[in-house]
PDB file of all heavy atoms in Angstrom:
ATOM      1  N   LEU A   1     -18.028   5.651  -8.745  1.00  0.00           N
ATOM      2  CA  LEU A   1     -17.234   4.717  -9.546  1.00  0.00           C
ATOM      3  C   LEU A   1     -15.741   4.990  -9.414  1.00  0.00           C
ATOM      4  O   LEU A   1     -14.926   4.145  -9.786  1.00  0.00           O
ATOM      5  CB  LEU A   1     -17.640   4.807 -11.020  1.00  0.00           C
ATOM      6  CG  LEU A   1     -19.104   4.535 -11.336  1.00  0.00           C
ATOM      7  CD1 LEU A   1     -19.376   4.739 -12.803  1.00  0.00           C
ATOM      8  CD2 LEU A   1     -19.478   3.124 -10.910  1.00  0.00           C
ATOM      9  N   TYR A   2     -15.401   6.161  -8.903  1.00  0.00           N
ATOM     10  CA  TYR A   2     -13.996   6.560  -8.854  1.00  0.00           C
ATOM     11  C   TYR A   2     -13.439   6.688  -7.439  1.00  0.00           C
ATOM     12  O   TYR A   2     -12.342   6.189  -7.148  1.00  0.00           O
ATOM     13  CB  TYR A   2     -13.832   7.901  -9.584  1.00  0.00           C
ATOM     14  CG  TYR A   2     -12.483   8.544  -9.394  1.00  0.00           C
ATOM     15  CD1 TYR A   2     -11.350   8.021 -10.012  1.00  0.00           C
ATOM     16  CD2 TYR A   2     -12.334   9.668  -8.580  1.00  0.00           C
ATOM     17  CE1 TYR A   2     -10.112   8.601  -9.829  1.00  0.00           C
ATOM     18  CE2 TYR A   2     -11.095  10.254  -8.400  1.00  0.00           C
ATOM     19  CZ  TYR A   2      -9.984   9.717  -9.024  1.00  0.00           C
ATOM     20  OH  TYR A   2      -8.756  10.286  -8.832  1.00  0.00           O
ATOM     21  N   LEU A   3     -14.176   7.340  -6.549  1.00  0.00           N
ATOM     22  CA  LEU A   3     -13.626   7.666  -5.234  1.00  0.00           C
ATOM     23  C   LEU A   3     -13.240   6.447  -4.397  1.00  0.00           C
ATOM     24  O   LEU A   3     -12.169   6.448  -3.783  1.00  0.00           O
ATOM     25  CB  LEU A   3     -14.601   8.550  -4.461  1.00  0.00           C
ATOM     26  CG  LEU A   3     -14.595  10.037  -4.816  1.00  0.00           C
ATOM     27  CD1 LEU A   3     -15.535  10.796  -3.899  1.00  0.00           C
ATOM     28  CD2 LEU A   3     -13.191  10.617  -4.698  1.00  0.00           C
ATOM     29  N   PRO A   4     -14.069   5.382  -4.286  1.00  0.00           N
ATOM     30  CA  PRO A   4     -13.633   4.239  -3.480  1.00  0.00           C
ATOM     31  C   PRO A   4     -12.322   3.630  -3.974  1.00  0.00           C
ATOM     32  O   PRO A   4     -11.449   3.279  -3.172  1.00  0.00           O
ATOM     33  CB  PRO A   4     -14.799   3.247  -3.616  1.00  0.00           C
ATOM     34  CG  PRO A   4     -15.987   4.107  -3.880  1.00  0.00           C
ATOM     35  CD  PRO A   4     -15.474   5.217  -4.747  1.00  0.00           C
ATOM     36  N   GLY A   5     -12.161   3.526  -5.297  1.00  0.00           N
ATOM     37  CA  GLY A   5     -10.897   3.010  -5.825  1.00  0.00           C
ATOM     38  C   GLY A   5      -9.731   3.922  -5.505  1.00  0.00           C
ATOM     39  O   GLY A   5      -8.621   3.454  -5.199  1.00  0.00           O
ATOM     40  N   LYS A   6      -9.958   5.225  -5.570  1.00  0.00           N
ATOM     41  CA  LYS A   6      -8.905   6.185  -5.224  1.00  0.00           C
ATOM     42  C   LYS A   6      -8.516   6.040  -3.758  1.00  0.00           C
ATOM     43  O   LYS A   6      -7.325   6.054  -3.405  1.00  0.00           O
ATOM     44  CB  LYS A   6      -9.397   7.600  -5.498  1.00  0.00           C
ATOM     45  CG  LYS A   6      -8.436   8.707  -5.100  1.00  0.00           C
ATOM     46  CD  LYS A   6      -9.004  10.063  -5.479  1.00  0.00           C
ATOM     47  CE  LYS A   6      -8.070  11.206  -5.082  1.00  0.00           C
ATOM     48  NZ  LYS A   6      -8.045  11.399  -3.608  1.00  0.00           N
ATOM     49  N   MET A   7      -9.495   5.890  -2.889  1.00  0.00           N
ATOM     50  CA  MET A   7      -9.215   5.725  -1.460  1.00  0.00           C
ATOM     51  C   MET A   7      -8.474   4.423  -1.195  1.00  0.00           C
ATOM     52  O   MET A   7      -7.599   4.357  -0.325  1.00  0.00           O
ATOM     53  CB  MET A   7     -10.521   5.786  -0.676  1.00  0.00           C
ATOM     54  CG  MET A   7     -11.211   7.148  -0.775  1.00  0.00           C
ATOM     55  SD  MET A   7     -12.936   7.151  -0.213  1.00  0.00           S
ATOM     56  CE  MET A   7     -12.711   7.081   1.563  1.00  0.00           C
ATOM     57  N   SER A   8      -8.800   3.382  -1.948  1.00  0.00           N
ATOM     58  CA  SER A   8      -8.111   2.099  -1.803  1.00  0.00           C
ATOM     59  C   SER A   8      -6.647   2.219  -2.213  1.00  0.00           C
ATOM     60  O   SER A   8      -5.747   1.724  -1.515  1.00  0.00           O
ATOM     61  CB  SER A   8      -8.809   1.030  -2.641  1.00  0.00           C
ATOM     62  OG  SER A   8      -8.109  -0.200  -2.578  1.00  0.00           O
ATOM     63  N   ARG A   9      -6.400   2.889  -3.331  1.00  0.00           N
ATOM     64  CA  ARG A   9      -5.012   3.069  -3.789  1.00  0.00           C
ATOM     65  C   ARG A   9      -4.207   3.917  -2.804  1.00  0.00           C
ATOM     66  O   ARG A   9      -3.028   3.641  -2.546  1.00  0.00           O
ATOM     67  CB  ARG A   9      -5.004   3.710  -5.176  1.00  0.00           C
ATOM     68  CG  ARG A   9      -5.544   2.794  -6.275  1.00  0.00           C
ATOM     69  CD  ARG A   9      -5.320   3.399  -7.649  1.00  0.00           C
ATOM     70  NE  ARG A   9      -6.075   4.635  -7.842  1.00  0.00           N
ATOM     71  CZ  ARG A   9      -7.319   4.678  -8.274  1.00  0.00           C
ATOM     72  NH1 ARG A   9      -7.968   3.555  -8.560  1.00  0.00           N
ATOM     73  NH2 ARG A   9      -7.935   5.833  -8.444  1.00  0.00           N
ATOM     74  N   GLU A  10      -4.840   4.934  -2.251  1.00  0.00           N
ATOM     75  CA  GLU A  10      -4.147   5.778  -1.278  1.00  0.00           C
ATOM     76  C   GLU A  10      -3.796   4.989  -0.015  1.00  0.00           C
ATOM     77  O   GLU A  10      -2.722   5.178   0.565  1.00  0.00           O
ATOM     78  CB  GLU A  10      -5.017   6.981  -0.928  1.00  0.00           C
ATOM     79  CG  GLU A  10      -5.137   8.000  -2.049  1.00  0.00           C
ATOM     80  CD  GLU A  10      -6.111   9.116  -1.710  1.00  0.00           C
ATOM     81  OE1 GLU A  10      -6.877   8.957  -0.728  1.00  0.00           O
ATOM     82  OE2 GLU A  10      -6.120  10.138  -2.432  1.00  0.00           O
ATOM     83  N   ALA A  11      -4.713   4.102   0.415  1.00  0.00           N
ATOM     84  CA  ALA A  11      -4.439   3.283   1.595  1.00  0.00           C
ATOM     85  C   ALA A  11      -3.263   2.344   1.346  1.00  0.00           C
ATOM     86  O   ALA A  11      -2.376   2.200   2.200  1.00  0.00           O
ATOM     87  CB  ALA A  11      -5.693   2.485   1.974  1.00  0.00           C
ATOM     88  N   LEU A  12      -3.247   1.706   0.165  1.00  0.00           N
ATOM     89  CA  LEU A  12      -2.140   0.800  -0.154  1.00  0.00           C
ATOM     90  C   LEU A  12      -0.826   1.565  -0.230  1.00  0.00           C
ATOM     91  O   LEU A  12       0.207   1.100   0.292  1.00  0.00           O
ATOM     92  CB  LEU A  12      -2.425   0.083  -1.473  1.00  0.00           C
ATOM     93  CG  LEU A  12      -1.331  -0.877  -1.959  1.00  0.00           C
ATOM     94  CD1 LEU A  12      -1.064  -1.961  -0.927  1.00  0.00           C
ATOM     95  CD2 LEU A  12      -1.713  -1.485  -3.299  1.00  0.00           C
ATOM     96  N   ASN A  13      -0.832   2.725  -0.850  1.00  0.00           N
ATOM     97  CA  ASN A  13       0.398   3.520  -0.945  1.00  0.00           C
ATOM     98  C   ASN A  13       0.887   3.937   0.439  1.00  0.00           C
ATOM     99  O   ASN A  13       2.098   3.958   0.693  1.00  0.00           O
ATOM    100  CB  ASN A  13       0.148   4.760  -1.805  1.00  0.00           C
ATOM    101  CG  ASN A  13      -0.044   4.423  -3.264  1.00  0.00           C
ATOM    102  OD1 ASN A  13       0.398   3.374  -3.727  1.00  0.00           O
ATOM    103  ND2 ASN A  13      -0.708   5.297  -4.002  1.00  0.00           N
ATOM    104  N   ARG A  14      -0.046   4.265   1.312  1.00  0.00           N
ATOM    105  CA  ARG A  14       0.351   4.664   2.670  1.00  0.00           C
ATOM    106  C   ARG A  14       0.969   3.493   3.419  1.00  0.00           C
ATOM    107  O   ARG A  14       1.953   3.664   4.145  1.00  0.00           O
ATOM    108  CB  ARG A  14      -0.870   5.190   3.433  1.00  0.00           C
ATOM    109  CG  ARG A  14      -0.559   5.747   4.807  1.00  0.00           C
ATOM    110  CD  ARG A  14      -1.760   6.463   5.383  1.00  0.00           C
ATOM    111  NE  ARG A  14      -1.470   7.018   6.703  1.00  0.00           N
ATOM    112  CZ  ARG A  14      -2.335   7.722   7.406  1.00  0.00           C
ATOM    113  NH1 ARG A  14      -3.545   7.970   6.926  1.00  0.00           N
ATOM    114  NH2 ARG A  14      -2.013   8.192   8.608  1.00  0.00           N
ATOM    115  N   ILE A  15       0.414   2.299   3.235  1.00  0.00           N
ATOM    116  CA  ILE A  15       0.975   1.111   3.880  1.00  0.00           C
ATOM    117  C   ILE A  15       2.375   0.828   3.358  1.00  0.00           C
ATOM    118  O   ILE A  15       3.319   0.608   4.131  1.00  0.00           O
ATOM    119  CB  ILE A  15       0.062  -0.105   3.643  1.00  0.00           C
ATOM    120  CG1 ILE A  15      -1.259   0.057   4.398  1.00  0.00           C
ATOM    121  CG2 ILE A  15       0.757  -1.397   4.081  1.00  0.00           C
ATOM    122  CD1 ILE A  15      -2.297  -0.997   4.048  1.00  0.00           C
ATOM    123  N   LEU A  16       2.542   0.841   2.033  1.00  0.00           N
ATOM    124  CA  LEU A  16       3.845   0.520   1.440  1.00  0.00           C
ATOM    125  C   LEU A  16       4.872   1.588   1.756  1.00  0.00           C
ATOM    126  O   LEU A  16       6.064   1.293   1.885  1.00  0.00           O
ATOM    127  CB  LEU A  16       3.690   0.351  -0.071  1.00  0.00           C
ATOM    128  CG  LEU A  16       2.834  -0.845  -0.523  1.00  0.00           C
ATOM    129  CD1 LEU A  16       2.727  -0.877  -2.039  1.00  0.00           C
ATOM    130  CD2 LEU A  16       3.424  -2.149   0.000  1.00  0.00           C
ATOM    131  N   LEU A  17       4.423   2.833   1.886  1.00  0.00           N
ATOM    132  CA  LEU A  17       5.357   3.912   2.199  1.00  0.00           C
ATOM    133  C   LEU A  17       5.982   3.728   3.571  1.00  0.00           C
ATOM    134  O   LEU A  17       7.166   4.013   3.775  1.00  0.00           O
ATOM    135  CB  LEU A  17       4.629   5.260   2.133  1.00  0.00           C
ATOM    136  CG  LEU A  17       5.481   6.512   2.398  1.00  0.00           C
ATOM    137  CD1 LEU A  17       6.537   6.668   1.310  1.00  0.00           C
ATOM    138  CD2 LEU A  17       4.605   7.749   2.463  1.00  0.00           C
ATOM    139  N   THR A  18       5.182   3.235   4.517  1.00  0.00           N
ATOM    140  CA  THR A  18       5.676   3.091   5.897  1.00  0.00           C
ATOM    141  C   THR A  18       6.213   1.693   6.202  1.00  0.00           C
ATOM    142  O   THR A  18       7.033   1.538   7.105  1.00  0.00           O
ATOM    143  CB  THR A  18       4.560   3.413   6.902  1.00  0.00           C
ATOM    144  OG1 THR A  18       3.433   2.559   6.651  1.00  0.00           O
ATOM    145  CG2 THR A  18       4.117   4.860   6.749  1.00  0.00           C
ATOM    146  N   LYS A  19       5.745   0.683   5.461  1.00  0.00           N
ATOM    147  CA  LYS A  19       6.109  -0.689   5.803  1.00  0.00           C
ATOM    148  C   LYS A  19       6.776  -1.463   4.668  1.00  0.00           C
ATOM    149  O   LYS A  19       7.143  -2.615   4.849  1.00  0.00           O
ATOM    150  CB  LYS A  19       4.849  -1.469   6.223  1.00  0.00           C
ATOM    151  CG  LYS A  19       4.158  -0.917   7.461  1.00  0.00           C
ATOM    152  CD  LYS A  19       4.999  -1.094   8.707  1.00  0.00           C
ATOM    153  CE  LYS A  19       4.264  -0.624   9.940  1.00  0.00           C
ATOM    154  NZ  LYS A  19       5.055  -0.808  11.174  1.00  0.00           N
ATOM    155  N   GLY A  20       6.906  -0.854   3.498  1.00  0.00           N
ATOM    156  CA  GLY A  20       7.370  -1.608   2.337  1.00  0.00           C
ATOM    157  C   GLY A  20       8.858  -1.584   2.089  1.00  0.00           C
ATOM    158  O   GLY A  20       9.319  -2.041   1.047  1.00  0.00           O
ATOM    159  N   GLY A  21       9.644  -1.068   3.015  1.00  0.00           N
ATOM    160  CA  GLY A  21      11.086  -1.018   2.822  1.00  0.00           C
ATOM    161  C   GLY A  21      11.760  -2.320   3.233  1.00  0.00           C
ATOM    162  O   GLY A  21      11.122  -3.250   3.721  1.00  0.00           O
ATOM    163  N   PRO A  22      13.084  -2.416   3.049  1.00  0.00           N
ATOM    164  CA  PRO A  22      13.817  -3.612   3.470  1.00  0.00           C
ATOM    165  C   PRO A  22      13.614  -3.881   4.954  1.00  0.00           C
ATOM    166  O   PRO A  22      13.508  -2.927   5.730  1.00  0.00           O
ATOM    167  CB  PRO A  22      15.281  -3.251   3.163  1.00  0.00           C
ATOM    168  CG  PRO A  22      15.197  -2.130   2.174  1.00  0.00           C
ATOM    169  CD  PRO A  22      13.936  -1.387   2.478  1.00  0.00           C
ATOM    170  N   PRO A  23      13.538  -5.144   5.404  1.00  0.00           N
ATOM    171  CA  PRO A  23      13.703  -6.364   4.600  1.00  0.00           C
ATOM    172  C   PRO A  23      12.395  -6.892   4.010  1.00  0.00           C
ATOM    173  O   PRO A  23      12.358  -8.024   3.555  1.00  0.00           O
ATOM    174  CB  PRO A  23      14.251  -7.355   5.640  1.00  0.00           C
ATOM    175  CG  PRO A  23      13.547  -6.940   6.907  1.00  0.00           C
ATOM    176  CD  PRO A  23      13.409  -5.444   6.831  1.00  0.00           C
ATOM    177  N   LEU A  24      11.298  -6.115   4.042  1.00  0.00           N
ATOM    178  CA  LEU A  24      10.008  -6.581   3.538  1.00  0.00           C
ATOM    179  C   LEU A  24       9.827  -6.059   2.114  1.00  0.00           C
ATOM    180  O   LEU A  24       9.501  -4.889   1.911  1.00  0.00           O
ATOM    181  CB  LEU A  24       8.875  -6.077   4.448  1.00  0.00           C
ATOM    182  CG  LEU A  24       8.995  -6.414   5.935  1.00  0.00           C
ATOM    183  CD1 LEU A  24       7.862  -5.762   6.716  1.00  0.00           C
ATOM    184  CD2 LEU A  24       8.979  -7.917   6.134  1.00  0.00           C
ATOM    185  N   TYR A  25      10.043  -6.937   1.144  1.00  0.00           N
ATOM    186  CA  TYR A  25       9.986  -6.504  -0.242  1.00  0.00           C
ATOM    187  C   TYR A  25       8.676  -6.882  -0.925  1.00  0.00           C
ATOM    188  O   TYR A  25       8.204  -6.162  -1.794  1.00  0.00           O
ATOM    189  CB  TYR A  25      11.155  -7.099  -1.030  1.00  0.00           C
ATOM    190  CG  TYR A  25      12.497  -6.560  -0.594  1.00  0.00           C
ATOM    191  CD1 TYR A  25      13.311  -7.287   0.259  1.00  0.00           C
ATOM    192  CD2 TYR A  25      12.945  -5.307  -1.029  1.00  0.00           C
ATOM    193  CE1 TYR A  25      14.548  -6.783   0.662  1.00  0.00           C
ATOM    194  CE2 TYR A  25      14.163  -4.805  -0.625  1.00  0.00           C
ATOM    195  CZ  TYR A  25      14.971  -5.544   0.218  1.00  0.00           C
ATOM    196  OH  TYR A  25      16.178  -5.044   0.618  1.00  0.00           O
ATOM    197  N   SER A  26       8.079  -7.995  -0.557  1.00  0.00           N
ATOM    198  CA  SER A  26       6.852  -8.437  -1.219  1.00  0.00           C
ATOM    199  C   SER A  26       5.636  -7.992  -0.417  1.00  0.00           C
ATOM    200  O   SER A  26       5.700  -7.775   0.796  1.00  0.00           O
ATOM    201  CB  SER A  26       6.837  -9.965  -1.375  1.00  0.00           C
ATOM    202  OG  SER A  26       6.653 -10.593  -0.121  1.00  0.00           O
ATOM    203  N   LEU A  27       4.490  -7.881  -1.109  1.00  0.00           N
ATOM    204  CA  LEU A  27       3.255  -7.477  -0.454  1.00  0.00           C
ATOM    205  C   LEU A  27       2.829  -8.509   0.589  1.00  0.00           C
ATOM    206  O   LEU A  27       2.301  -8.152   1.646  1.00  0.00           O
ATOM    207  CB  LEU A  27       2.148  -7.281  -1.491  1.00  0.00           C
ATOM    208  CG  LEU A  27       0.810  -6.759  -0.957  1.00  0.00           C
ATOM    209  CD1 LEU A  27       0.993  -5.424  -0.256  1.00  0.00           C
ATOM    210  CD2 LEU A  27      -0.198  -6.624  -2.088  1.00  0.00           C
ATOM    211  N   THR A  28       3.077  -9.791   0.306  1.00  0.00           N
ATOM    212  CA  THR A  28       2.722 -10.841   1.259  1.00  0.00           C
ATOM    213  C   THR A  28       3.493 -10.681   2.564  1.00  0.00           C
ATOM    214  O   THR A  28       2.941 -10.827   3.659  1.00  0.00           O
ATOM    215  CB  THR A  28       3.004 -12.227   0.654  1.00  0.00           C
ATOM    216  OG1 THR A  28       2.255 -12.375  -0.554  1.00  0.00           O
ATOM    217  CG2 THR A  28       2.606 -13.328   1.626  1.00  0.00           C
ATOM    218  N   GLU A  29       4.782 -10.374   2.454  1.00  0.00           N
ATOM    219  CA  GLU A  29       5.590 -10.156   3.657  1.00  0.00           C
ATOM    220  C   GLU A  29       5.116  -8.929   4.425  1.00  0.00           C
ATOM    221  O   GLU A  29       5.064  -8.939   5.658  1.00  0.00           O
ATOM    222  CB  GLU A  29       7.061  -9.988   3.264  1.00  0.00           C
ATOM    223  CG  GLU A  29       7.706 -11.249   2.723  1.00  0.00           C
ATOM    224  CD  GLU A  29       9.120 -10.999   2.244  1.00  0.00           C
ATOM    225  OE1 GLU A  29       9.380  -9.907   1.698  1.00  0.00           O
ATOM    226  OE2 GLU A  29       9.965 -11.893   2.409  1.00  0.00           O
ATOM    227  N   VAL A  30       4.747  -7.883   3.691  1.00  0.00           N
ATOM    228  CA  VAL A  30       4.254  -6.662   4.343  1.00  0.00           C
ATOM    229  C   VAL A  30       2.955  -6.950   5.086  1.00  0.00           C
ATOM    230  O   VAL A  30       2.776  -6.538   6.238  1.00  0.00           O
ATOM    231  CB  VAL A  30       4.039  -5.543   3.300  1.00  0.00           C
ATOM    232  CG1 VAL A  30       3.339  -4.349   3.932  1.00  0.00           C
ATOM    233  CG2 VAL A  30       5.369  -5.114   2.701  1.00  0.00           C
TER     234      VAL A  30
END
């Protein structure tokens, strides 16, 4: 009940960490 959600959050954080900077501000743009 916990681990898949944790892995999902970690994946999103990893994506935003590498791709979420300017000029891509919104998740849709990323």
